[in-house]
Amino acid sequence: MKDFLVITAFRDTGDPYRRRNLATCIGSVAKNFPEAEHVIVEQLDGPGSGKWFDSQGFTGVTHDKVDMAIALGGTADGLFHKPVLLNAAVKTHPDRRLYVMVDADLYFTRDLAEYAMSEGGEGKLVFPYGDALYLDELDTRRYIEYGTIWPGEKDHGVTIRRQTGLAVAFTYGDFGQVRGFDEDFAAWGAEDDAFMYKFVRLGKRVLRNPDRSAVAYHMFHPKVNTPRYVGEATYRRNRVLCACIRRMSDVDFAGYLAGKSTLDSLARKYREMGRLEISLDWAVARKDPAAGIPEDIVFHMDTTIYDIDRGGEMSIDRIMEAVVKEDGMEGVVWFAEHVFFKVAGLPAGVRADVERWYGRAKAACSIS
């Protein structure tokens, strides 16, 4: 039995991109992290699930299966349940020196393996990469074929700093203390953030590889986190749950870790207390030059996602600082493009402030 265990959660929907990415991920772990055993834990949603994986003849990996209908105590709900899969894999393979969760769309490099092995240990949550590079489809195929980024100018996607997810290392003891990944999360979004916030609240260290050239290469697949999905109930519920972990009292947090309450029940409690899903309106005065009549633009801010106090003078700086705190500079880019720049007649002073933040954010994210 090896000291290191890599765990990859997978659900086969027939998507050829995700199938290709998983096969590449398996090969990259085998090549660049030979010290580790690799477990693919697959979600089974009904008859026929798991057949594609079995037909591929993958070698050097352990194939665990989780029947979601059984795991949920009823019928499968059609959603991806990554926390359920990861928790099952850790509990099925206990007593390893270190566990490394690796997403099925990640090309795992030797740099990541070496940092995880050297820095992983009790009291630490380790993100073993520097920047995260989200490749487009052309560069994904080039990287898979040649093992290096294609030289020359091109649109290779987005470089994100301080990414949460993709790959993270932890010990069995710490995993137990934070009660693993919370299974109230479903589908895509915020489960990795919530796992990290539990480490933070317990005073454990969160380490990121200081070498930004130790890149996490995310292979292309059609996006899930589209603006439409971000506005849907499932994603919003995940963000509410994550916000609840950050905002619940120390007493409630201790009870939650002790299994005395669920995250979903605490989210309901804090919603009733007015600590979640708070709506904040910000009116920006402007004048219509043609009519000469002062009018207001009203922005609706959701403080479930962005922690903005109700008191004090509202400004673009306050809003953007809150966005950076939660979603980093890449959040500023999204917020500017999908909120502020879509408002007709934005006052010149407000637009100038937004463009200042937008320019800084694009430079910081290396968005091409």
Protein backbone atom coordinates (compact mmCIF):
# COMPACT_ATOMS: atom_id res chain seq x y z
CA MET A 1 0.00 0.00 0.00
CA LYS A 2 1.39 3.38 -1.02
CA ASP A 3 1.56 6.35 1.37
CA PHE A 4 -0.08 8.75 -1.07
CA LEU A 5 -3.58 8.42 -2.49
CA VAL A 6 -4.90 10.45 -5.40
CA ILE A 7 -8.70 10.59 -5.62
CA THR A 8 -10.63 11.69 -8.70
CA ALA A 9 -14.42 11.97 -8.68
CA PHE A 10 -16.09 11.20 -12.00
CA ARG A 11 -19.57 11.02 -13.46
CA ASP A 12 -19.97 9.78 -17.01
CA THR A 13 -22.59 11.67 -18.98
CA GLY A 14 -21.29 10.51 -22.36
CA ASP A 15 -19.47 13.82 -22.92
CA PRO A 16 -16.45 12.99 -25.14
CA TYR A 17 -14.45 15.94 -23.75
CA ARG A 18 -14.79 14.76 -20.17
CA ARG A 19 -14.02 11.16 -21.12
CA ARG A 20 -10.87 12.27 -22.92
CA ASN A 21 -9.87 14.50 -20.02
CA LEU A 22 -10.29 11.72 -17.46
CA ALA A 23 -8.16 9.34 -19.54
CA THR A 24 -5.48 12.05 -19.83
CA CYS A 25 -5.69 12.81 -16.11
CA ILE A 26 -5.16 9.11 -15.31
CA GLY A 27 -2.12 8.99 -17.59
CA SER A 28 -0.62 12.18 -16.16
CA VAL A 29 -0.94 10.96 -12.56
CA ALA A 30 0.63 7.60 -13.46
CA LYS A 31 3.52 9.34 -15.23
CA ASN A 32 4.18 12.21 -12.82
CA PHE A 33 3.12 10.84 -9.45
CA PRO A 34 4.29 7.20 -9.38
CA GLU A 35 4.56 7.35 -5.58
CA ALA A 36 0.76 7.49 -5.37
CA GLU A 37 -2.09 5.08 -5.88
CA HIS A 38 -4.91 6.55 -7.98
CA VAL A 39 -8.57 5.90 -7.17
CA ILE A 40 -11.29 6.86 -9.62
CA VAL A 41 -14.54 7.03 -7.70
CA GLU A 42 -17.45 7.03 -10.13
CA GLN A 43 -21.02 8.07 -9.56
CA LEU A 44 -23.56 5.49 -10.75
CA ASP A 45 -26.97 6.92 -11.62
CA GLY A 46 -28.74 3.81 -12.84
CA PRO A 47 -28.49 0.94 -15.32
CA GLY A 48 -25.58 1.37 -17.71
CA SER A 49 -23.54 3.61 -15.42
CA GLY A 50 -19.90 2.63 -15.20
CA LYS A 51 -19.85 0.63 -18.42
CA TRP A 52 -17.78 3.14 -20.38
CA PHE A 53 -15.02 3.18 -17.76
CA ASP A 54 -14.99 -0.60 -17.51
CA SER A 55 -14.72 -0.91 -21.28
CA GLN A 56 -11.57 1.23 -21.47
CA GLY A 57 -9.26 -1.22 -19.76
CA PHE A 58 -7.50 1.43 -17.67
CA THR A 59 -4.54 -0.03 -15.79
CA GLY A 60 -2.84 1.13 -12.60
CA VAL A 61 -6.00 2.64 -11.10
CA THR A 62 -8.59 1.48 -8.60
CA HIS A 63 -12.20 1.90 -9.72
CA ASP A 64 -14.59 2.60 -6.85
CA LYS A 65 -18.30 2.98 -7.56
CA VAL A 66 -20.99 4.80 -5.60
CA ASP A 67 -24.64 4.08 -6.40
CA MET A 68 -26.19 7.50 -5.90
CA ALA A 69 -29.69 6.22 -5.27
CA ILE A 70 -28.38 4.17 -2.34
CA ALA A 71 -26.13 6.99 -1.12
CA LEU A 72 -29.04 9.43 -1.10
CA GLY A 73 -31.34 6.93 0.58
CA GLY A 74 -33.92 6.96 -2.18
CA THR A 75 -33.69 7.73 -5.86
CA ALA A 76 -30.93 9.44 -7.80
CA ASP A 77 -31.72 13.13 -8.34
CA GLY A 78 -29.79 13.52 -11.59
CA LEU A 79 -27.17 15.84 -10.07
CA PHE A 80 -23.42 15.33 -9.66
CA HIS A 81 -22.52 14.69 -6.00
CA LYS A 82 -18.78 15.22 -5.83
CA PRO A 83 -18.64 15.52 -1.99
CA VAL A 84 -20.38 12.15 -1.59
CA LEU A 85 -17.87 10.51 -3.93
CA LEU A 86 -14.78 12.04 -2.32
CA ASN A 87 -15.92 11.21 1.21
CA ALA A 88 -16.66 7.61 0.23
CA ALA A 89 -13.21 7.19 -1.34
CA VAL A 90 -11.34 8.58 1.67
CA LYS A 91 -13.27 6.40 4.08
CA THR A 92 -12.79 3.31 1.90
CA HIS A 93 -9.02 3.85 1.78
CA PRO A 94 -7.99 5.02 5.28
CA ASP A 95 -4.62 5.49 6.92
CA ARG A 96 -2.64 6.99 4.04
CA ARG A 97 0.00 9.57 4.75
CA LEU A 98 -1.60 12.08 2.39
CA TYR A 99 -4.68 12.36 0.20
CA VAL A 100 -4.65 14.45 -2.96
CA MET A 101 -7.99 15.33 -4.54
CA VAL A 102 -7.45 15.81 -8.30
CA ASP A 103 -10.21 16.97 -10.65
CA ALA A 104 -10.88 14.80 -13.69
CA ASP A 105 -10.07 17.73 -15.99
CA LEU A 106 -6.59 18.40 -14.58
CA TYR A 107 -3.32 17.45 -16.28
CA PHE A 108 -1.24 16.55 -13.22
CA THR A 109 2.45 17.55 -13.45
CA ARG A 110 5.52 16.51 -11.49
CA ASP A 111 5.79 19.98 -9.95
CA LEU A 112 2.44 19.48 -8.26
CA ALA A 113 3.38 16.02 -6.97
CA GLU A 114 6.65 17.20 -5.47
CA TYR A 115 5.08 20.15 -3.67
CA ALA A 116 2.25 18.02 -2.27
CA MET A 117 4.67 15.40 -0.96
CA SER A 118 7.06 17.93 0.58
CA GLU A 119 4.51 20.30 2.13
CA GLY A 120 1.49 18.13 2.89
CA GLY A 121 0.92 17.13 6.50
CA GLU A 122 -1.20 17.54 9.62
CA GLY A 123 -2.76 20.94 10.14
CA LYS A 124 -2.42 21.98 6.51
CA LEU A 125 -4.54 22.20 3.40
CA VAL A 126 -2.21 22.34 0.40
CA PHE A 127 -2.93 23.64 -3.08
CA PRO A 128 0.17 22.28 -4.88
CA TYR A 129 0.12 24.65 -7.85
CA GLY A 130 0.85 28.30 -8.49
CA ASP A 131 -1.34 29.62 -11.28
CA ALA A 132 -4.21 27.72 -12.85
CA LEU A 133 -4.27 27.83 -16.64
CA TYR A 134 -7.61 27.10 -18.28
CA LEU A 135 -6.72 25.85 -21.77
CA ASP A 136 -8.93 26.25 -24.80
CA GLU A 137 -9.72 23.17 -26.91
CA LEU A 138 -6.92 23.67 -29.43
CA ASP A 139 -4.26 24.06 -26.77
CA THR A 140 -5.71 21.16 -24.78
CA ARG A 141 -5.18 18.86 -27.77
CA ARG A 142 -1.71 20.29 -28.34
CA TYR A 143 -0.79 19.85 -24.68
CA ILE A 144 -2.05 16.27 -24.61
CA GLU A 145 -0.09 15.41 -27.75
CA TYR A 146 3.18 17.25 -27.05
CA GLY A 147 3.20 17.68 -23.27
CA THR A 148 3.92 21.40 -23.48
CA ILE A 149 2.12 24.63 -24.21
CA TRP A 150 2.21 25.50 -27.90
CA PRO A 151 4.59 28.46 -28.52
CA GLY A 152 3.45 31.69 -30.06
CA GLU A 153 0.55 34.06 -29.62
CA LYS A 154 -2.85 32.47 -29.26
CA ASP A 155 -6.01 32.45 -27.21
CA HIS A 156 -5.26 29.80 -24.62
CA GLY A 157 -7.97 30.77 -22.19
CA VAL A 158 -7.49 32.33 -18.77
CA THR A 159 -4.82 32.22 -16.10
CA ILE A 160 -6.34 32.35 -12.62
CA ARG A 161 -4.41 33.02 -9.45
CA ARG A 162 -5.46 31.77 -6.03
CA GLN A 163 -7.75 29.13 -7.52
CA THR A 164 -9.66 26.92 -5.09
CA GLY A 165 -9.99 23.34 -6.27
CA LEU A 166 -8.43 21.40 -9.17
CA ALA A 167 -5.97 19.73 -6.78
CA VAL A 168 -5.75 19.89 -2.99
CA ALA A 169 -3.88 17.76 -0.43
CA PHE A 170 -4.89 16.93 3.15
CA THR A 171 -4.42 14.28 5.83
CA TYR A 172 -6.90 11.71 7.10
CA GLY A 173 -6.91 13.30 10.56
CA ASP A 174 -7.69 16.79 9.27
CA PHE A 175 -10.30 15.39 6.92
CA GLY A 176 -12.05 13.85 9.92
CA GLN A 177 -11.84 17.03 11.99
CA VAL A 178 -13.60 19.10 9.34
CA ARG A 179 -16.06 16.24 8.61
CA GLY A 180 -14.86 15.95 5.05
CA PHE A 181 -16.66 17.56 2.14
CA ASP A 182 -20.16 18.63 3.08
CA GLU A 183 -22.70 16.47 1.29
CA ASP A 184 -25.40 19.15 1.28
CA PHE A 185 -23.62 20.57 -1.79
CA ALA A 186 -24.81 19.24 -5.15
CA ALA A 187 -24.01 19.84 -8.82
CA TRP A 188 -21.25 22.39 -9.45
CA GLY A 189 -19.89 25.18 -7.31
CA ALA A 190 -18.59 26.22 -3.87
CA GLU A 191 -17.97 22.78 -2.32
CA ASP A 192 -14.18 23.25 -2.56
CA ASP A 193 -14.43 26.74 -1.05
CA ALA A 194 -16.51 25.42 1.84
CA PHE A 195 -13.95 22.67 2.53
CA MET A 196 -11.20 25.30 2.66
CA TYR A 197 -13.18 27.65 4.94
CA LYS A 198 -13.58 24.86 7.49
CA PHE A 199 -9.79 24.52 7.63
CA VAL A 200 -9.46 28.28 8.02
CA ARG A 201 -12.00 28.44 10.84
CA LEU A 202 -10.13 25.72 12.73
CA GLY A 203 -6.91 27.72 12.48
CA LYS A 204 -5.21 25.32 10.11
CA ARG A 205 -2.78 26.56 7.47
CA VAL A 206 -3.77 26.95 3.83
CA LEU A 207 -0.67 26.66 1.64
CA ARG A 208 -0.35 27.50 -2.04
CA ASN A 209 2.69 26.71 -4.13
CA PRO A 210 4.63 30.01 -4.29
CA ASP A 211 6.11 28.97 -7.65
CA ARG A 212 3.64 30.32 -10.18
CA SER A 213 5.35 28.33 -12.92
CA ALA A 214 4.06 25.16 -11.22
CA VAL A 215 0.87 25.45 -13.25
CA ALA A 216 -2.37 23.52 -12.87
CA TYR A 217 -3.44 22.82 -16.46
CA HIS A 218 -7.22 22.60 -16.73
CA MET A 219 -8.24 20.79 -19.91
CA PHE A 220 -11.07 22.13 -21.99
CA HIS A 221 -14.68 20.98 -21.77
CA PRO A 222 -17.91 22.89 -22.40
CA LYS A 223 -18.58 25.23 -19.51
CA VAL A 224 -20.92 24.43 -16.67
CA ASN A 225 -20.50 27.72 -14.79
CA THR A 226 -22.20 29.85 -17.41
CA PRO A 227 -24.00 33.07 -16.43
CA ARG A 228 -27.28 31.19 -16.81
CA TYR A 229 -26.21 28.43 -14.42
CA VAL A 230 -24.81 30.95 -11.93
CA GLY A 231 -28.29 32.46 -11.74
CA GLU A 232 -30.05 29.15 -11.13
CA ALA A 233 -31.31 27.84 -7.80
CA THR A 234 -28.82 24.98 -7.37
CA TYR A 235 -25.74 27.17 -7.69
CA ARG A 236 -27.28 29.88 -5.54
CA ARG A 237 -28.07 27.34 -2.83
CA ASN A 238 -24.44 26.17 -2.88
CA ARG A 239 -23.23 29.75 -2.42
CA VAL A 240 -25.67 30.25 0.46
CA LEU A 241 -24.33 27.11 2.15
CA CYS A 242 -20.75 28.27 1.68
CA ALA A 243 -21.59 31.72 3.06
CA CYS A 244 -23.18 30.05 6.08
CA ILE A 245 -19.92 28.26 6.93
CA ARG A 246 -18.15 31.61 6.91
CA ARG A 247 -20.78 33.48 8.93
CA MET A 248 -22.15 31.05 11.52
CA SER A 249 -21.19 31.60 15.14
CA ASP A 250 -18.32 29.70 16.78
CA VAL A 251 -20.85 27.78 18.89
CA ASP A 252 -22.85 26.73 15.85
CA PHE A 253 -19.67 25.87 13.95
CA ALA A 254 -18.51 23.60 16.79
CA GLY A 255 -21.92 21.91 16.87
CA TYR A 256 -21.87 21.49 13.10
CA LEU A 257 -18.46 19.78 13.19
CA ALA A 258 -19.70 17.57 16.03
CA GLY A 259 -22.60 16.39 13.87
CA LYS A 260 -25.27 18.10 15.98
CA SER A 261 -26.66 20.04 13.04
CA THR A 262 -26.51 19.98 9.26
CA LEU A 263 -25.26 22.81 7.11
CA ASP A 264 -28.65 22.99 5.41
CA SER A 265 -30.45 23.45 8.76
CA LEU A 266 -27.99 26.14 9.83
CA ALA A 267 -28.43 27.94 6.51
CA ARG A 268 -32.19 28.03 7.15
CA LYS A 269 -31.53 29.42 10.64
CA TYR A 270 -29.21 32.16 9.45
CA ARG A 271 -31.50 33.05 6.58
CA GLU A 272 -34.31 33.63 9.08
CA MET A 273 -31.92 35.75 11.16
CA GLY A 274 -31.26 37.93 8.12
CA ARG A 275 -27.61 36.93 7.84
CA LEU A 276 -28.01 35.32 4.43
CA GLU A 277 -29.62 36.41 1.18
CA ILE A 278 -29.59 40.09 2.13
CA SER A 279 -30.53 42.44 -0.69
CA LEU A 280 -28.78 45.79 -0.82
CA ASP A 281 -29.84 48.53 -3.22
CA TRP A 282 -27.41 51.25 -4.27
CA ALA A 283 -28.78 54.27 -6.15
CA VAL A 284 -26.35 56.20 -8.35
CA ALA A 285 -27.52 59.65 -9.36
CA ARG A 286 -27.15 60.78 -12.97
CA LYS A 287 -28.60 63.43 -15.23
CA ASP A 288 -30.21 62.96 -18.58
CA PRO A 289 -28.52 65.69 -20.65
CA ALA A 290 -31.42 65.83 -23.11
CA ALA A 291 -34.21 66.19 -20.58
CA GLY A 292 -32.21 67.87 -17.85
CA ILE A 293 -33.96 65.70 -15.28
CA PRO A 294 -31.97 63.90 -12.56
CA GLU A 295 -32.52 60.14 -12.57
CA ASP A 296 -31.16 57.23 -10.57
CA ILE A 297 -29.62 53.93 -11.55
CA VAL A 298 -30.27 51.32 -8.87
CA PHE A 299 -27.87 48.40 -8.49
CA HIS A 300 -29.10 45.34 -6.59
CA MET A 301 -26.21 43.80 -4.63
CA ASP A 302 -26.47 40.25 -3.29
CA THR A 303 -24.55 40.11 -0.03
CA THR A 304 -24.90 36.34 0.19
CA ILE A 305 -22.01 36.16 -2.25
CA TYR A 306 -20.39 39.54 -1.63
CA ASP A 307 -19.91 40.57 1.99
CA ILE A 308 -20.89 44.24 1.85
CA ASP A 309 -22.04 45.95 5.03
CA ARG A 310 -25.28 47.88 4.87
CA GLY A 311 -23.89 50.92 6.65
CA GLY A 312 -21.49 53.52 5.32
CA GLU A 313 -21.15 55.21 1.97
CA MET A 314 -21.40 52.88 -1.00
CA SER A 315 -18.78 53.13 -3.73
CA ILE A 316 -17.29 51.12 -6.57
CA ASP A 317 -14.21 50.57 -4.42
CA ARG A 318 -16.29 49.01 -1.62
CA ILE A 319 -18.11 46.76 -4.06
CA MET A 320 -15.00 45.62 -5.90
CA GLU A 321 -13.06 45.01 -2.67
CA ALA A 322 -15.90 42.71 -1.57
CA VAL A 323 -15.85 40.92 -4.92
CA VAL A 324 -12.06 40.41 -4.69
CA LYS A 325 -12.40 39.04 -1.16
CA GLU A 326 -14.82 36.36 -2.32
CA ASP A 327 -13.95 35.64 -5.97
CA GLY A 328 -10.56 37.24 -6.58
CA MET A 329 -9.69 39.49 -9.49
CA GLU A 330 -11.36 37.11 -11.96
CA GLY A 331 -14.62 37.91 -10.15
CA VAL A 332 -14.05 41.60 -10.84
CA VAL A 333 -13.74 40.86 -14.56
CA TRP A 334 -16.99 38.88 -14.57
CA PHE A 335 -18.81 41.47 -12.46
CA ALA A 336 -17.71 44.37 -14.67
CA GLU A 337 -18.59 42.61 -17.92
CA HIS A 338 -21.91 41.11 -16.81
CA VAL A 339 -23.24 43.85 -14.51
CA PHE A 340 -21.80 47.34 -14.83
CA PHE A 341 -20.92 47.43 -18.52
CA LYS A 342 -24.45 46.28 -19.41
CA VAL A 343 -26.03 49.37 -17.82
CA ALA A 344 -26.94 52.05 -20.34
CA GLY A 345 -26.08 55.58 -19.32
CA LEU A 346 -23.64 54.64 -16.57
CA PRO A 347 -22.41 57.90 -14.98
CA ALA A 348 -18.97 58.90 -16.24
CA GLY A 349 -17.39 58.88 -12.79
CA VAL A 350 -18.78 55.44 -11.95
CA ARG A 351 -17.72 54.04 -15.32
CA ALA A 352 -14.20 55.41 -14.85
CA ASP A 353 -13.94 53.67 -11.47
CA VAL A 354 -15.21 50.39 -12.94
CA GLU A 355 -12.79 50.59 -15.87
CA ARG A 356 -9.90 51.24 -13.46
CA TRP A 357 -10.72 48.05 -11.52
CA TYR A 358 -11.45 46.14 -14.72
CA GLY A 359 -8.05 47.01 -16.19
CA ARG A 360 -6.24 45.97 -13.01
CA ALA A 361 -8.18 42.73 -12.84
CA LYS A 362 -7.54 41.73 -16.46
CA ALA A 363 -3.82 42.36 -15.98
CA ALA A 364 -3.77 40.36 -12.73
CA CYS A 365 -5.64 37.43 -14.30
CA SER A 366 -3.53 37.46 -17.48
CA ILE A 367 -6.71 37.21 -19.52
CA SER A 368 -5.91 37.06 -23.22
